[in-house]
Amino acid sequence: MSAELSLVQEAGASAPAVSVPGVRHRPGAELALALAAFETPTPDEPVLEAERLRVYHVALELQCLSNTLVPSVNRVLRDQFERASLSIILNLAEGCGRVSRRQKRYHYSVARGSATECAALTDVLRMRRLSPAPDCFRARSLAIRCVQMLSKLVESLGPAEPKSERE
């Protein structure tokens, strides 16, 4: 399946527009294709610290997949999967924006917990046959990869700092 990714110019801004001939679009497909075409920014372009991390891009891919994996009739599972996958990205970004090691560890740990939750949700979807097994395995492998990378991030920050006691 080949897809064309073109840029549409509107009022001086560019936005990705995706066209796949003969294929019905699923929600999130445009974002998934845009992520696949993601290029490393040039040194001139400002980027956030989170955008430099590979785990951030894996989490974005998982979030796009979570949006298409659960049938819309299963609103509870769909909502939970979308929230958990979004939580990975947001906590990772917030952790990158923190200065103290303790706060960074906290946000990265929460993101890791959300990634673990996503992996469990893929098991539920596969066992209940709500989504195709290959799609579930793909999402699960992305979630596990996020858990692995976030675990290394937490480890790299050293042991947890005890909270300072007020006298």
N, C-alpha and C. Protein backbone atom coordinates (compact mmCIF):
# COMPACT_ATOMS: atom_id res chain seq x y z
N MET A 1 0.85 -1.16 0.00
CA MET A 1 0.00 0.00 0.00
C MET A 1 0.90 1.23 0.00
N SER A 2 0.72 2.06 -0.98
CA SER A 2 1.54 3.27 -1.04
C SER A 2 0.67 4.46 -0.70
N ALA A 3 1.26 5.42 -0.07
CA ALA A 3 0.53 6.61 0.33
C ALA A 3 1.33 7.82 -0.10
N GLU A 4 0.61 8.84 -0.47
CA GLU A 4 1.27 10.09 -0.81
C GLU A 4 1.04 11.08 0.31
N LEU A 5 2.08 11.72 0.73
CA LEU A 5 1.99 12.73 1.76
C LEU A 5 2.34 14.05 1.11
N SER A 6 1.38 14.93 1.08
CA SER A 6 1.63 16.22 0.45
C SER A 6 1.33 17.32 1.45
N LEU A 7 1.95 18.44 1.22
CA LEU A 7 1.72 19.58 2.09
C LEU A 7 0.73 20.51 1.43
N VAL A 8 -0.26 20.92 2.19
CA VAL A 8 -1.27 21.82 1.71
C VAL A 8 -0.98 23.19 2.30
N GLN A 9 -0.86 24.16 1.45
CA GLN A 9 -0.55 25.51 1.92
C GLN A 9 -1.86 26.27 2.18
N GLU A 10 -2.05 26.70 3.41
CA GLU A 10 -3.21 27.51 3.77
C GLU A 10 -2.73 28.69 4.57
N ALA A 11 -2.94 29.84 4.04
CA ALA A 11 -2.60 31.09 4.73
C ALA A 11 -1.16 31.06 5.25
N GLY A 12 -0.26 30.56 4.46
CA GLY A 12 1.14 30.58 4.83
C GLY A 12 1.58 29.44 5.74
N ALA A 13 0.64 28.60 6.20
CA ALA A 13 1.00 27.49 7.08
C ALA A 13 0.90 26.19 6.30
N SER A 14 1.67 25.22 6.71
CA SER A 14 1.59 23.92 6.04
C SER A 14 1.02 22.90 6.99
N ALA A 15 0.15 22.03 6.46
CA ALA A 15 -0.45 20.96 7.24
C ALA A 15 -0.42 19.70 6.41
N PRO A 16 -0.18 18.55 7.02
CA PRO A 16 -0.12 17.34 6.22
C PRO A 16 -1.49 16.94 5.70
N ALA A 17 -1.55 16.59 4.43
CA ALA A 17 -2.76 16.05 3.83
C ALA A 17 -2.38 14.71 3.22
N VAL A 18 -3.14 13.68 3.53
CA VAL A 18 -2.78 12.35 3.11
C VAL A 18 -3.85 11.82 2.17
N SER A 19 -3.43 11.21 1.09
CA SER A 19 -4.37 10.54 0.21
C SER A 19 -3.84 9.16 -0.11
N VAL A 20 -4.68 8.17 0.14
CA VAL A 20 -4.34 6.80 -0.17
C VAL A 20 -5.40 6.30 -1.14
N PRO A 21 -5.03 6.15 -2.42
CA PRO A 21 -6.02 5.75 -3.41
C PRO A 21 -6.61 4.37 -3.11
N GLY A 22 -7.96 4.29 -3.15
CA GLY A 22 -8.65 3.02 -2.99
C GLY A 22 -8.69 2.46 -1.58
N VAL A 23 -8.26 3.23 -0.60
CA VAL A 23 -8.26 2.75 0.78
C VAL A 23 -9.13 3.66 1.63
N ARG A 24 -10.05 3.05 2.40
CA ARG A 24 -10.89 3.82 3.30
C ARG A 24 -10.05 4.29 4.48
N HIS A 25 -10.14 5.57 4.79
CA HIS A 25 -9.33 6.12 5.88
C HIS A 25 -9.92 5.75 7.23
N ARG A 26 -9.03 5.33 8.14
CA ARG A 26 -9.41 5.09 9.52
C ARG A 26 -8.98 6.31 10.31
N PRO A 27 -9.70 6.63 11.38
CA PRO A 27 -9.28 7.76 12.20
C PRO A 27 -7.85 7.57 12.68
N GLY A 28 -7.06 8.62 12.59
CA GLY A 28 -5.69 8.56 13.04
C GLY A 28 -4.71 8.13 11.96
N ALA A 29 -5.22 7.68 10.81
CA ALA A 29 -4.33 7.21 9.74
C ALA A 29 -3.46 8.35 9.22
N GLU A 30 -4.04 9.54 9.13
CA GLU A 30 -3.28 10.69 8.64
C GLU A 30 -2.10 11.00 9.55
N LEU A 31 -2.36 10.97 10.86
CA LEU A 31 -1.29 11.26 11.81
C LEU A 31 -0.22 10.17 11.80
N ALA A 32 -0.66 8.92 11.65
CA ALA A 32 0.31 7.82 11.59
C ALA A 32 1.22 7.97 10.37
N LEU A 33 0.65 8.35 9.23
CA LEU A 33 1.46 8.54 8.03
C LEU A 33 2.37 9.75 8.17
N ALA A 34 1.87 10.79 8.82
CA ALA A 34 2.70 11.98 9.04
C ALA A 34 3.87 11.64 9.96
N LEU A 35 3.62 10.82 10.98
CA LEU A 35 4.70 10.40 11.89
C LEU A 35 5.72 9.55 11.15
N ALA A 36 5.23 8.71 10.24
CA ALA A 36 6.15 7.86 9.47
C ALA A 36 7.06 8.71 8.60
N ALA A 37 6.55 9.86 8.16
CA ALA A 37 7.33 10.74 7.30
C ALA A 37 8.11 11.78 8.10
N PHE A 38 8.11 11.64 9.44
CA PHE A 38 8.76 12.61 10.31
C PHE A 38 10.25 12.69 9.99
N GLU A 39 10.71 13.89 9.80
CA GLU A 39 12.13 14.10 9.55
C GLU A 39 12.76 14.80 10.74
N THR A 40 14.00 14.51 10.97
CA THR A 40 14.72 15.16 12.05
C THR A 40 14.81 16.65 11.75
N PRO A 41 14.46 17.50 12.73
CA PRO A 41 14.54 18.93 12.48
C PRO A 41 15.97 19.39 12.24
N THR A 42 16.08 20.43 11.48
CA THR A 42 17.40 21.00 11.22
C THR A 42 17.91 21.67 12.49
N PRO A 43 19.22 21.89 12.61
CA PRO A 43 19.75 22.52 13.82
C PRO A 43 19.16 23.91 14.09
N ASP A 44 18.63 24.57 13.07
CA ASP A 44 18.05 25.90 13.25
C ASP A 44 16.69 25.85 13.95
N GLU A 45 15.96 24.76 13.75
CA GLU A 45 14.60 24.66 14.27
C GLU A 45 14.62 24.40 15.78
N PRO A 46 13.81 25.14 16.52
CA PRO A 46 13.73 24.87 17.97
C PRO A 46 12.89 23.61 18.21
N VAL A 47 13.35 22.77 19.12
CA VAL A 47 12.61 21.57 19.50
C VAL A 47 12.57 21.47 21.01
N LEU A 48 11.55 20.80 21.49
CA LEU A 48 11.46 20.55 22.92
C LEU A 48 12.34 19.36 23.27
N GLU A 49 12.74 19.28 24.53
CA GLU A 49 13.61 18.19 24.97
C GLU A 49 12.97 16.83 24.72
N ALA A 50 11.66 16.73 24.94
CA ALA A 50 10.97 15.45 24.75
C ALA A 50 11.05 14.99 23.30
N GLU A 51 11.02 15.91 22.36
CA GLU A 51 11.05 15.57 20.94
C GLU A 51 12.38 14.95 20.52
N ARG A 52 13.39 15.11 21.32
CA ARG A 52 14.70 14.52 21.01
C ARG A 52 14.79 13.06 21.44
N LEU A 53 13.84 12.61 22.25
CA LEU A 53 13.87 11.26 22.78
C LEU A 53 13.13 10.29 21.86
N ARG A 54 13.72 9.14 21.63
CA ARG A 54 13.10 8.12 20.78
C ARG A 54 11.80 7.62 21.40
N VAL A 55 11.74 7.52 22.71
CA VAL A 55 10.53 7.02 23.38
C VAL A 55 9.34 7.93 23.09
N TYR A 56 9.57 9.20 22.92
CA TYR A 56 8.49 10.15 22.60
C TYR A 56 7.85 9.78 21.26
N HIS A 57 8.66 9.44 20.28
CA HIS A 57 8.15 9.11 18.95
C HIS A 57 7.48 7.73 18.93
N VAL A 58 8.00 6.81 19.71
CA VAL A 58 7.35 5.49 19.83
C VAL A 58 5.99 5.67 20.50
N ALA A 59 5.92 6.52 21.52
CA ALA A 59 4.66 6.78 22.22
C ALA A 59 3.65 7.47 21.29
N LEU A 60 4.12 8.35 20.43
CA LEU A 60 3.24 8.99 19.46
C LEU A 60 2.66 7.95 18.50
N GLU A 61 3.49 7.03 18.06
CA GLU A 61 3.01 5.98 17.16
C GLU A 61 1.97 5.10 17.86
N LEU A 62 2.22 4.77 19.13
CA LEU A 62 1.27 3.98 19.91
C LEU A 62 -0.04 4.73 20.06
N GLN A 63 0.03 6.02 20.31
CA GLN A 63 -1.19 6.81 20.48
C GLN A 63 -2.01 6.82 19.19
N CYS A 64 -1.35 6.95 18.05
CA CYS A 64 -2.06 6.92 16.77
C CYS A 64 -2.72 5.56 16.56
N LEU A 65 -2.01 4.50 16.89
CA LEU A 65 -2.55 3.16 16.72
C LEU A 65 -3.70 2.91 17.68
N SER A 66 -3.61 3.42 18.89
CA SER A 66 -4.69 3.22 19.87
C SER A 66 -5.99 3.83 19.40
N ASN A 67 -5.89 4.89 18.65
CA ASN A 67 -7.07 5.58 18.15
C ASN A 67 -7.82 4.73 17.12
N THR A 68 -7.12 3.85 16.43
CA THR A 68 -7.74 3.05 15.38
C THR A 68 -7.98 1.61 15.78
N LEU A 69 -7.40 1.17 16.88
CA LEU A 69 -7.43 -0.24 17.26
C LEU A 69 -8.76 -0.69 17.84
N VAL A 70 -9.39 0.14 18.64
CA VAL A 70 -10.60 -0.25 19.35
C VAL A 70 -11.83 0.19 18.54
N PRO A 71 -12.77 -0.74 18.30
CA PRO A 71 -13.99 -0.35 17.60
C PRO A 71 -14.76 0.71 18.38
N SER A 72 -15.40 1.62 17.67
CA SER A 72 -16.09 2.73 18.33
C SER A 72 -17.25 2.28 19.19
N VAL A 73 -17.77 1.07 18.98
CA VAL A 73 -18.88 0.59 19.82
C VAL A 73 -18.41 0.26 21.23
N ASN A 74 -17.13 0.02 21.41
CA ASN A 74 -16.57 -0.24 22.74
C ASN A 74 -15.99 1.05 23.30
N ARG A 75 -16.88 1.97 23.65
CA ARG A 75 -16.46 3.30 24.07
C ARG A 75 -15.59 3.29 25.31
N VAL A 76 -15.89 2.43 26.26
CA VAL A 76 -15.13 2.42 27.51
C VAL A 76 -13.68 2.02 27.26
N LEU A 77 -13.49 0.92 26.53
CA LEU A 77 -12.12 0.47 26.22
C LEU A 77 -11.40 1.48 25.34
N ARG A 78 -12.11 2.02 24.36
CA ARG A 78 -11.51 2.99 23.44
C ARG A 78 -11.04 4.22 24.21
N ASP A 79 -11.90 4.72 25.10
CA ASP A 79 -11.57 5.90 25.90
C ASP A 79 -10.38 5.62 26.82
N GLN A 80 -10.38 4.45 27.46
CA GLN A 80 -9.30 4.10 28.38
C GLN A 80 -7.97 3.97 27.65
N PHE A 81 -8.00 3.33 26.48
CA PHE A 81 -6.77 3.14 25.69
C PHE A 81 -6.25 4.49 25.20
N GLU A 82 -7.17 5.33 24.76
CA GLU A 82 -6.74 6.64 24.27
C GLU A 82 -6.15 7.49 25.41
N ARG A 83 -6.78 7.45 26.58
CA ARG A 83 -6.28 8.22 27.72
C ARG A 83 -4.91 7.71 28.18
N ALA A 84 -4.76 6.39 28.27
CA ALA A 84 -3.49 5.82 28.74
C ALA A 84 -2.37 6.13 27.75
N SER A 85 -2.64 5.99 26.46
CA SER A 85 -1.59 6.25 25.48
C SER A 85 -1.24 7.74 25.42
N LEU A 86 -2.22 8.59 25.62
CA LEU A 86 -1.95 10.03 25.66
C LEU A 86 -1.18 10.40 26.92
N SER A 87 -1.47 9.69 28.01
CA SER A 87 -0.77 9.95 29.28
C SER A 87 0.73 9.69 29.16
N ILE A 88 1.11 8.71 28.35
CA ILE A 88 2.54 8.44 28.16
C ILE A 88 3.22 9.67 27.59
N ILE A 89 2.65 10.20 26.53
CA ILE A 89 3.23 11.36 25.84
C ILE A 89 3.26 12.59 26.74
N LEU A 90 2.14 12.86 27.39
CA LEU A 90 2.06 14.08 28.20
C LEU A 90 2.95 14.02 29.43
N ASN A 91 3.01 12.88 30.10
CA ASN A 91 3.89 12.77 31.28
C ASN A 91 5.36 12.78 30.89
N LEU A 92 5.67 12.21 29.75
CA LEU A 92 7.04 12.27 29.24
C LEU A 92 7.44 13.72 28.96
N ALA A 93 6.56 14.45 28.29
CA ALA A 93 6.85 15.85 27.98
C ALA A 93 6.95 16.69 29.25
N GLU A 94 6.05 16.43 30.20
CA GLU A 94 6.10 17.19 31.45
C GLU A 94 7.36 16.87 32.24
N GLY A 95 7.75 15.60 32.26
CA GLY A 95 8.98 15.21 32.95
C GLY A 95 10.20 15.89 32.34
N CYS A 96 10.22 15.98 31.02
CA CYS A 96 11.34 16.65 30.35
C CYS A 96 11.40 18.13 30.69
N GLY A 97 10.25 18.70 31.01
CA GLY A 97 10.20 20.12 31.34
C GLY A 97 10.55 20.42 32.79
N ARG A 98 10.70 19.40 33.60
CA ARG A 98 11.03 19.60 35.02
C ARG A 98 12.54 19.68 35.22
N VAL A 99 12.92 20.33 36.32
CA VAL A 99 14.35 20.51 36.61
C VAL A 99 14.84 19.49 37.63
N SER A 100 14.05 19.23 38.66
CA SER A 100 14.53 18.34 39.72
C SER A 100 14.44 16.88 39.28
N ARG A 101 15.41 16.11 39.75
CA ARG A 101 15.45 14.67 39.43
C ARG A 101 14.21 13.97 39.97
N ARG A 102 13.79 14.34 41.16
CA ARG A 102 12.63 13.71 41.78
C ARG A 102 11.38 13.89 40.94
N GLN A 103 11.16 15.11 40.44
CA GLN A 103 9.99 15.37 39.60
C GLN A 103 10.09 14.65 38.26
N LYS A 104 11.29 14.63 37.68
CA LYS A 104 11.48 13.91 36.42
C LYS A 104 11.16 12.42 36.61
N ARG A 105 11.73 11.84 37.66
CA ARG A 105 11.47 10.42 37.95
C ARG A 105 9.99 10.15 38.11
N TYR A 106 9.31 11.03 38.83
CA TYR A 106 7.88 10.85 39.06
C TYR A 106 7.11 10.80 37.73
N HIS A 107 7.33 11.78 36.87
CA HIS A 107 6.58 11.85 35.60
C HIS A 107 6.95 10.71 34.66
N TYR A 108 8.23 10.34 34.63
CA TYR A 108 8.63 9.20 33.79
C TYR A 108 8.04 7.90 34.33
N SER A 109 7.93 7.79 35.65
CA SER A 109 7.32 6.59 36.25
C SER A 109 5.83 6.50 35.94
N VAL A 110 5.15 7.64 35.98
CA VAL A 110 3.73 7.66 35.62
C VAL A 110 3.55 7.28 34.15
N ALA A 111 4.42 7.80 33.30
CA ALA A 111 4.36 7.46 31.87
C ALA A 111 4.59 5.96 31.68
N ARG A 112 5.53 5.40 32.44
CA ARG A 112 5.80 3.96 32.36
C ARG A 112 4.57 3.16 32.79
N GLY A 113 3.90 3.60 33.83
CA GLY A 113 2.68 2.92 34.29
C GLY A 113 1.59 2.97 33.22
N SER A 114 1.48 4.08 32.54
CA SER A 114 0.48 4.21 31.47
C SER A 114 0.83 3.29 30.29
N ALA A 115 2.12 3.14 30.00
CA ALA A 115 2.55 2.24 28.92
C ALA A 115 2.22 0.79 29.29
N THR A 116 2.40 0.44 30.55
CA THR A 116 2.05 -0.90 31.02
C THR A 116 0.55 -1.13 30.89
N GLU A 117 -0.22 -0.11 31.20
CA GLU A 117 -1.68 -0.18 31.06
C GLU A 117 -2.07 -0.41 29.59
N CYS A 118 -1.39 0.26 28.68
CA CYS A 118 -1.66 0.08 27.25
C CYS A 118 -1.38 -1.35 26.81
N ALA A 119 -0.30 -1.93 27.31
CA ALA A 119 0.02 -3.32 26.98
C ALA A 119 -1.09 -4.25 27.47
N ALA A 120 -1.59 -4.01 28.67
CA ALA A 120 -2.67 -4.83 29.21
C ALA A 120 -3.95 -4.66 28.38
N LEU A 121 -4.22 -3.46 27.94
CA LEU A 121 -5.40 -3.22 27.11
C LEU A 121 -5.32 -3.97 25.79
N THR A 122 -4.14 -4.06 25.22
CA THR A 122 -4.01 -4.82 23.97
C THR A 122 -4.31 -6.30 24.20
N ASP A 123 -3.93 -6.82 25.37
CA ASP A 123 -4.26 -8.21 25.70
C ASP A 123 -5.77 -8.40 25.78
N VAL A 124 -6.46 -7.46 26.41
CA VAL A 124 -7.93 -7.54 26.52
C VAL A 124 -8.56 -7.51 25.13
N LEU A 125 -8.09 -6.60 24.29
CA LEU A 125 -8.65 -6.49 22.94
C LEU A 125 -8.43 -7.77 22.14
N ARG A 126 -7.26 -8.36 22.28
CA ARG A 126 -6.94 -9.58 21.54
C ARG A 126 -7.75 -10.76 22.07
N MET A 127 -7.82 -10.90 23.40
CA MET A 127 -8.53 -12.04 23.99
C MET A 127 -10.03 -11.97 23.73
N ARG A 128 -10.59 -10.76 23.70
CA ARG A 128 -12.02 -10.60 23.42
C ARG A 128 -12.31 -10.54 21.93
N ARG A 129 -11.25 -10.65 21.12
CA ARG A 129 -11.35 -10.61 19.66
C ARG A 129 -12.05 -9.34 19.16
N LEU A 130 -11.72 -8.23 19.79
CA LEU A 130 -12.27 -6.94 19.39
C LEU A 130 -11.43 -6.27 18.32
N SER A 131 -10.17 -6.69 18.21
CA SER A 131 -9.25 -6.14 17.22
C SER A 131 -8.45 -7.29 16.63
N PRO A 132 -7.95 -7.13 15.40
CA PRO A 132 -7.13 -8.19 14.80
C PRO A 132 -5.86 -8.43 15.63
N ALA A 133 -5.51 -9.69 15.78
CA ALA A 133 -4.34 -10.07 16.59
C ALA A 133 -3.06 -9.38 16.13
N PRO A 134 -2.78 -9.29 14.81
CA PRO A 134 -1.52 -8.62 14.41
C PRO A 134 -1.47 -7.15 14.84
N ASP A 135 -2.61 -6.47 14.80
CA ASP A 135 -2.64 -5.07 15.25
C ASP A 135 -2.41 -4.99 16.76
N CYS A 136 -3.00 -5.94 17.49
CA CYS A 136 -2.81 -5.97 18.95
C CYS A 136 -1.35 -6.23 19.30
N PHE A 137 -0.71 -7.17 18.57
CA PHE A 137 0.69 -7.47 18.84
C PHE A 137 1.58 -6.27 18.51
N ARG A 138 1.25 -5.53 17.45
CA ARG A 138 2.02 -4.33 17.08
C ARG A 138 1.91 -3.28 18.19
N ALA A 139 0.68 -3.03 18.65
CA ALA A 139 0.48 -2.04 19.72
C ALA A 139 1.16 -2.49 21.00
N ARG A 140 1.07 -3.79 21.30
CA ARG A 140 1.71 -4.32 22.51
C ARG A 140 3.23 -4.15 22.44
N SER A 141 3.81 -4.41 21.28
CA SER A 141 5.26 -4.27 21.15
C SER A 141 5.69 -2.81 21.30
N LEU A 142 4.88 -1.88 20.81
CA LEU A 142 5.18 -0.46 21.01
C LEU A 142 5.09 -0.08 22.48
N ALA A 143 4.05 -0.60 23.16
CA ALA A 143 3.88 -0.30 24.59
C ALA A 143 5.04 -0.87 25.40
N ILE A 144 5.43 -2.10 25.09
CA ILE A 144 6.54 -2.72 25.82
C ILE A 144 7.83 -1.96 25.57
N ARG A 145 8.03 -1.52 24.35
CA ARG A 145 9.23 -0.73 24.03
C ARG A 145 9.24 0.56 24.84
N CYS A 146 8.08 1.20 24.97
CA CYS A 146 7.98 2.42 25.80
C CYS A 146 8.34 2.11 27.25
N VAL A 147 7.83 0.99 27.78
CA VAL A 147 8.14 0.60 29.16
C VAL A 147 9.64 0.42 29.32
N GLN A 148 10.26 -0.26 28.37
CA GLN A 148 11.71 -0.50 28.45
C GLN A 148 12.49 0.81 28.44
N MET A 149 12.16 1.69 27.51
CA MET A 149 12.90 2.95 27.40
C MET A 149 12.65 3.86 28.60
N LEU A 150 11.40 3.89 29.09
CA LEU A 150 11.10 4.72 30.26
C LEU A 150 11.78 4.16 31.51
N SER A 151 11.89 2.85 31.61
CA SER A 151 12.60 2.25 32.74
C SER A 151 14.06 2.68 32.74
N LYS A 152 14.67 2.70 31.57
CA LYS A 152 16.07 3.16 31.46
C LYS A 152 16.18 4.64 31.82
N LEU A 153 15.19 5.43 31.40
CA LEU A 153 15.21 6.86 31.75
C LEU A 153 15.15 7.04 33.26
N VAL A 154 14.26 6.30 33.91
CA VAL A 154 14.13 6.40 35.37
C VAL A 154 15.43 5.96 36.04
N GLU A 155 16.00 4.84 35.58
CA GLU A 155 17.27 4.36 36.13
C GLU A 155 18.40 5.38 35.96
N SER A 156 18.41 6.06 34.82
CA SER A 156 19.50 7.01 34.53
C SER A 156 19.49 8.20 35.48
N LEU A 157 18.37 8.42 36.14
CA LEU A 157 18.28 9.55 37.07
C LEU A 157 18.78 9.19 38.46
N GLY A 158 19.21 7.97 38.63
CA GLY A 158 19.76 7.55 39.92
C GLY A 158 18.67 7.15 40.88
N PRO A 159 19.06 6.82 42.11
CA PRO A 159 18.06 6.40 43.10
C PRO A 159 17.12 7.54 43.45
N ALA A 160 15.93 7.16 43.87
CA ALA A 160 14.94 8.17 44.25
C ALA A 160 15.46 9.00 45.41
N GLU A 161 15.27 10.28 45.32
CA GLU A 161 15.70 11.19 46.38
C GLU A 161 14.65 11.20 47.47
N PRO A 162 15.06 11.09 48.72
CA PRO A 162 14.05 11.19 49.79
C PRO A 162 13.54 12.61 49.85
N LYS A 163 12.26 12.73 50.21
CA LYS A 163 11.70 14.07 50.35
C LYS A 163 12.39 14.77 51.51
N SER A 164 12.67 16.03 51.34
CA SER A 164 13.35 16.78 52.41
C SER A 164 12.35 17.01 53.54
N GLU A 165 12.83 16.80 54.76
CA GLU A 165 11.98 16.97 55.92
C GLU A 165 12.05 18.42 56.39
N ARG A 166 10.87 18.93 56.70
CA ARG A 166 10.83 20.31 57.22
C ARG A 166 11.02 20.28 58.72
N GLU A 167 11.78 21.20 59.19
CA GLU A 167 12.06 21.24 60.63
C GLU A 167 11.20 22.26 61.32
